[in-house]
Protein backbone atom coordinates (compact mmCIF):
# COMPACT_ATOMS: atom_id res chain seq x y z
CA MET A 1 -11.66 14.99 -39.78
CA THR A 2 -14.80 12.95 -39.61
CA ALA A 3 -12.82 9.78 -38.85
CA ARG A 4 -11.29 11.43 -35.71
CA LYS A 5 -14.56 12.01 -33.97
CA PRO A 6 -15.79 8.38 -33.72
CA LEU A 7 -12.34 7.29 -32.71
CA ALA A 8 -12.21 9.91 -29.99
CA LEU A 9 -15.71 8.93 -28.75
CA THR A 10 -14.73 5.29 -28.71
CA LEU A 11 -11.59 6.00 -26.62
CA ILE A 12 -13.52 8.15 -24.21
CA ALA A 13 -16.15 5.46 -23.77
CA PHE A 14 -13.47 2.88 -23.10
CA ALA A 15 -11.71 5.08 -20.67
CA ILE A 16 -14.97 5.46 -18.73
CA ALA A 17 -15.80 1.74 -18.77
CA ALA A 18 -12.28 0.45 -17.96
CA PRO A 19 -12.55 0.75 -14.16
CA GLY A 20 -15.74 -1.41 -14.31
CA PHE A 21 -13.90 -4.09 -16.29
CA SER A 22 -11.10 -4.37 -13.55
CA SER A 23 -13.61 -4.57 -10.65
CA ALA A 24 -15.42 -7.64 -12.07
CA SER A 25 -12.97 -9.92 -10.19
CA SER A 26 -12.74 -7.88 -6.97
CA LEU A 27 -14.54 -8.48 -3.69
CA TYR A 28 -16.35 -5.12 -3.81
CA HIS A 29 -18.53 -3.78 -6.69
CA PRO A 30 -19.78 -0.17 -6.87
CA ALA A 31 -23.62 0.22 -6.32
CA GLY A 32 -25.93 3.16 -6.53
CA GLY A 33 -27.61 4.64 -3.58
CA GLU A 34 -26.56 5.25 0.01
CA VAL A 35 -24.54 1.96 0.48
CA GLY A 36 -22.14 2.69 -2.42
CA MET A 37 -20.86 -0.96 -2.83
CA THR A 38 -21.85 -4.58 -2.75
CA THR A 39 -19.86 -7.48 -1.58
CA HIS A 40 -19.29 -10.54 -3.73
CA PRO A 41 -17.01 -13.12 -1.99
CA ASP A 42 -17.55 -15.57 -4.83
CA HIS A 43 -15.72 -13.18 -7.23
CA MET A 44 -12.63 -13.12 -5.14
CA GLN A 45 -9.70 -15.00 -6.80
CA SER A 46 -6.95 -16.15 -4.30
CA ALA A 47 -3.52 -17.28 -5.29
CA MET A 48 -3.13 -19.20 -2.00
CA SER A 49 -4.30 -22.67 -1.63
CA ARG A 50 -6.27 -24.00 1.36
CA GLY A 51 -3.06 -25.65 2.69
CA ASP A 52 -1.18 -22.52 2.51
CA VAL A 53 -3.90 -20.55 4.38
CA LEU A 54 -4.00 -23.35 7.09
CA GLN A 55 -0.17 -23.19 7.40
CA ALA A 56 -0.25 -19.44 7.80
CA VAL A 57 -2.92 -19.59 10.50
CA GLU A 58 -0.82 -22.23 12.35
CA VAL A 59 2.19 -20.02 12.19
CA ALA A 60 0.22 -16.99 13.38
CA ARG A 61 -1.22 -19.09 16.33
CA LYS A 62 2.20 -20.19 17.32
CA ASP A 63 3.87 -16.74 17.36
CA GLY A 64 1.07 -15.01 19.04
CA THR A 65 -0.12 -12.67 16.20
CA LEU A 66 -3.47 -14.55 15.76
CA ALA A 67 -4.38 -13.70 19.31
CA ILE A 68 -3.48 -10.07 18.89
CA LEU A 69 -5.44 -9.72 15.69
CA SER A 70 -8.42 -11.57 16.90
CA ARG A 71 -8.70 -8.99 19.72
CA GLY A 72 -8.51 -6.15 17.29
CA GLY A 73 -4.95 -5.16 18.33
CA ALA A 74 -2.27 -3.78 16.07
CA LEU A 75 0.84 -5.97 15.48
CA PRO A 76 3.98 -4.70 17.07
CA VAL A 77 6.56 -3.37 14.76
CA LYS A 78 9.93 -5.00 14.96
CA ALA A 79 12.67 -2.59 15.80
CA THR A 80 15.34 -2.19 13.30
CA GLY A 81 18.79 -0.81 14.14
CA SER A 82 20.85 1.55 12.18
CA THR A 83 23.48 0.02 9.81
CA LYS A 84 25.84 2.96 10.44
CA THR A 85 27.91 3.69 13.47
CA ARG A 86 27.75 7.06 15.32
CA GLU A 87 31.18 7.93 13.95
CA GLN A 88 30.11 7.18 10.38
CA VAL A 89 27.05 9.48 10.69
CA GLN A 90 29.11 12.25 12.27
CA GLN A 91 31.62 11.95 9.49
CA GLU A 92 29.08 11.98 6.83
CA PHE A 93 27.67 15.18 8.36
CA LEU A 94 31.14 16.90 8.39
CA ASN A 95 31.70 15.92 4.77
CA MET A 96 28.51 17.62 3.61
CA SER A 97 28.62 20.93 1.77
CA ALA A 98 27.35 24.06 3.46
CA ALA A 99 24.24 24.01 1.19
CA GLU A 100 23.44 20.41 2.24
CA LYS A 101 23.89 21.13 5.86
CA LYS A 102 21.61 24.09 5.63
CA ALA A 103 18.94 22.09 3.79
CA LEU A 104 19.21 19.41 6.39
CA LEU A 105 18.91 21.77 9.29
CA ASP A 106 15.97 23.57 7.67
CA MET A 107 14.24 20.29 7.10
CA ASN A 108 14.59 19.30 10.69
CA GLY A 109 13.42 22.56 12.22
CA GLY A 110 16.64 24.52 12.06
CA ALA A 111 19.28 25.12 14.64
CA ARG A 112 17.93 26.08 17.97
């Protein structure tokens, strides 16, 4: 019984300290007071080489995304089309059970 208490306390201490260990290599570190965090760019580890970054900037410059992001804009989302035809969707709905149809209609606001 006495061996369980130190083990439990050790595990609790480790669980409390674990988030601090993982933030040592991050850009932001927690700080007390009103600020709440400090920034440490030298702690940031990047998997990209300088050449990879320069190549990505050049691609962004050519396709126009760099200009959009530099002005604070949001990148447009590319439209994706459905992979099913209208007939396939209709047939899928007709093959549903009554319970599945009711659940689908309830989820989408019900029949009007």
